[in-house]
Amino acid sequence: MSNPDLPPLTGEQKRWAFAAAALFLLAVGFLGFALNAQVMVVFAVGWLALMIFGYVGALKMAKGDFAHPLFKSQVMLHVVAVGLLVAVILRAFK
């Protein structure tokens, strides 16, 4: 059911919302792995908490606009976190 009071999302808003959702699912998956393997649990919990509070705060300040620069910066912050996580994993296997 669509709400007629809300405007439809633009393509850019859909892309940024999808990127945020994909990163969130990646963080949840990593949390599951971390809890199972008992490795980097603090990072996994902290990353997920930072993600939740960051996305909610950014969306509140952006008034629900997924294409707002503040929300985009939150998504890019978590892309950097993924890069750091990959770097740590690659370093561990060297």
C-alpha atoms as a PDB file:
ATOM      1  CA  MET A   1       0.000   0.000   0.000  1.00  0.00           C
ATOM      2  CA  SER A   2       1.383   3.350  -0.958  1.00  0.00           C
ATOM      3  CA  ASN A   3       0.761   6.489   1.012  1.00  0.00           C
ATOM      4  CA  PRO A   4      -0.584   9.202  -1.314  1.00  0.00           C
ATOM      5  CA  ASP A   5       0.743  11.950   1.009  1.00  0.00           C
ATOM      6  CA  LEU A   6       4.371  10.983   0.393  1.00  0.00           C
ATOM      7  CA  PRO A   7       6.166  11.889  -2.839  1.00  0.00           C
ATOM      8  CA  PRO A   8       7.779   9.026  -4.749  1.00  0.00           C
ATOM      9  CA  LEU A   9      11.504   8.487  -4.262  1.00  0.00           C
ATOM     10  CA  THR A  10      13.845   9.657  -6.983  1.00  0.00           C
ATOM     11  CA  GLY A  11      16.397   7.341  -8.546  1.00  0.00           C
ATOM     12  CA  GLU A  12      19.212   8.927  -6.562  1.00  0.00           C
ATOM     13  CA  GLN A  13      17.304   8.495  -3.295  1.00  0.00           C
ATOM     14  CA  LYS A  14      16.641   4.843  -4.109  1.00  0.00           C
ATOM     15  CA  ARG A  15      20.336   4.204  -4.847  1.00  0.00           C
ATOM     16  CA  TRP A  16      21.523   5.766  -1.574  1.00  0.00           C
ATOM     17  CA  ALA A  17      18.826   3.939   0.404  1.00  0.00           C
ATOM     18  CA  PHE A  18      19.872   0.652  -1.238  1.00  0.00           C
ATOM     19  CA  ALA A  19      23.538   1.326  -0.439  1.00  0.00           C
ATOM     20  CA  ALA A  20      22.664   2.038   3.193  1.00  0.00           C
ATOM     21  CA  ALA A  21      20.541  -1.109   3.434  1.00  0.00           C
ATOM     22  CA  ALA A  22      23.269  -3.254   1.856  1.00  0.00           C
ATOM     23  CA  LEU A  23      25.865  -1.925   4.300  1.00  0.00           C
ATOM     24  CA  PHE A  24      23.471  -2.510   7.196  1.00  0.00           C
ATOM     25  CA  LEU A  25      22.936  -6.133   6.145  1.00  0.00           C
ATOM     26  CA  LEU A  26      26.697  -6.562   5.792  1.00  0.00           C
ATOM     27  CA  ALA A  27      27.158  -5.241   9.334  1.00  0.00           C
ATOM     28  CA  VAL A  28      24.501  -7.594  10.697  1.00  0.00           C
ATOM     29  CA  GLY A  29      26.135 -10.507   8.893  1.00  0.00           C
ATOM     30  CA  PHE A  30      29.540  -9.574  10.264  1.00  0.00           C
ATOM     31  CA  LEU A  31      28.047  -9.339  13.753  1.00  0.00           C
ATOM     32  CA  GLY A  32      26.746 -12.886  13.390  1.00  0.00           C
ATOM     33  CA  PHE A  33      30.149 -14.085  12.217  1.00  0.00           C
ATOM     34  CA  ALA A  34      31.922 -12.208  15.024  1.00  0.00           C
ATOM     35  CA  LEU A  35      29.654 -13.650  17.693  1.00  0.00           C
ATOM     36  CA  ASN A  36      30.031 -17.149  16.297  1.00  0.00           C
ATOM     37  CA  ALA A  37      33.823 -16.984  15.954  1.00  0.00           C
ATOM     38  CA  GLN A  38      34.357 -14.732  19.013  1.00  0.00           C
ATOM     39  CA  VAL A  39      36.564 -12.482  16.886  1.00  0.00           C
ATOM     40  CA  MET A  40      36.252  -8.656  16.743  1.00  0.00           C
ATOM     41  CA  VAL A  41      32.973  -8.710  18.675  1.00  0.00           C
ATOM     42  CA  VAL A  42      33.464  -5.207  20.063  1.00  0.00           C
ATOM     43  CA  PHE A  43      34.048  -3.811  16.573  1.00  0.00           C
ATOM     44  CA  ALA A  44      30.996  -5.596  15.172  1.00  0.00           C
ATOM     45  CA  VAL A  45      28.671  -4.393  17.932  1.00  0.00           C
ATOM     46  CA  GLY A  46      30.082  -0.860  17.828  1.00  0.00           C
ATOM     47  CA  TRP A  47      29.838  -0.671  14.043  1.00  0.00           C
ATOM     48  CA  LEU A  48      26.204  -1.740  14.075  1.00  0.00           C
ATOM     49  CA  ALA A  49      25.356   0.716  16.873  1.00  0.00           C
ATOM     50  CA  LEU A  50      27.165   3.538  15.063  1.00  0.00           C
ATOM     51  CA  MET A  51      25.276   2.656  11.913  1.00  0.00           C
ATOM     52  CA  ILE A  52      21.860   2.675  13.572  1.00  0.00           C
ATOM     53  CA  PHE A  53      22.362   5.944  15.427  1.00  0.00           C
ATOM     54  CA  GLY A  54      24.097   7.559  12.442  1.00  0.00           C
ATOM     55  CA  TYR A  55      21.410   6.654   9.914  1.00  0.00           C
ATOM     56  CA  VAL A  56      18.555   7.644  12.209  1.00  0.00           C
ATOM     57  CA  GLY A  57      20.177  10.952  13.148  1.00  0.00           C
ATOM     58  CA  ALA A  58      21.086  11.783   9.560  1.00  0.00           C
ATOM     59  CA  LEU A  59      17.590  10.983   8.311  1.00  0.00           C
ATOM     60  CA  LYS A  60      16.026  13.111  11.043  1.00  0.00           C
ATOM     61  CA  MET A  61      18.219  16.090  10.202  1.00  0.00           C
ATOM     62  CA  ALA A  62      17.721  15.529   6.451  1.00  0.00           C
ATOM     63  CA  LYS A  63      13.936  15.308   6.926  1.00  0.00           C
ATOM     64  CA  GLY A  64      13.807  11.841   5.361  1.00  0.00           C
ATOM     65  CA  ASP A  65      15.778  12.711   2.218  1.00  0.00           C
ATOM     66  CA  PHE A  66      18.048   9.788   1.341  1.00  0.00           C
ATOM     67  CA  ALA A  67      19.944  11.958  -1.179  1.00  0.00           C
ATOM     68  CA  HIS A  68      20.838  14.620   1.411  1.00  0.00           C
ATOM     69  CA  PRO A  69      24.604  15.189   1.775  1.00  0.00           C
ATOM     70  CA  LEU A  70      24.482  14.310   5.488  1.00  0.00           C
ATOM     71  CA  PHE A  71      22.963  10.894   4.777  1.00  0.00           C
ATOM     72  CA  LYS A  72      25.407  10.353   1.924  1.00  0.00           C
ATOM     73  CA  SER A  73      28.291  11.086   4.288  1.00  0.00           C
ATOM     74  CA  GLN A  74      26.959   8.476   6.726  1.00  0.00           C
ATOM     75  CA  VAL A  75      26.878   5.886   3.948  1.00  0.00           C
ATOM     76  CA  MET A  76      30.406   6.792   2.865  1.00  0.00           C
ATOM     77  CA  LEU A  77      31.606   6.594   6.480  1.00  0.00           C
ATOM     78  CA  HIS A  78      30.465   2.983   6.576  1.00  0.00           C
ATOM     79  CA  VAL A  79      32.064   2.279   3.195  1.00  0.00           C
ATOM     80  CA  VAL A  80      35.332   3.394   4.823  1.00  0.00           C
ATOM     81  CA  ALA A  81      34.593   1.050   7.748  1.00  0.00           C
ATOM     82  CA  VAL A  82      34.180  -1.826   5.266  1.00  0.00           C
ATOM     83  CA  GLY A  83      37.501  -0.876   3.695  1.00  0.00           C
ATOM     84  CA  LEU A  84      39.203  -0.917   7.091  1.00  0.00           C
ATOM     85  CA  LEU A  85      37.615  -4.257   7.915  1.00  0.00           C
ATOM     86  CA  VAL A  86      38.850  -5.736   4.628  1.00  0.00           C
ATOM     87  CA  ALA A  87      42.322  -4.347   5.318  1.00  0.00           C
ATOM     88  CA  VAL A  88      42.383  -5.960   8.765  1.00  0.00           C
ATOM     89  CA  ILE A  89      41.211  -9.297   7.373  1.00  0.00           C
ATOM     90  CA  LEU A  90      43.784  -9.208   4.575  1.00  0.00           C
ATOM     91  CA  ARG A  91      46.502  -8.324   7.087  1.00  0.00           C
ATOM     92  CA  ALA A  92      45.460 -11.247   9.306  1.00  0.00           C
ATOM     93  CA  PHE A  93      45.899 -13.734   6.456  1.00  0.00           C
ATOM     94  CA  LYS A  94      49.335 -12.468   5.445  1.00  0.00           C
END
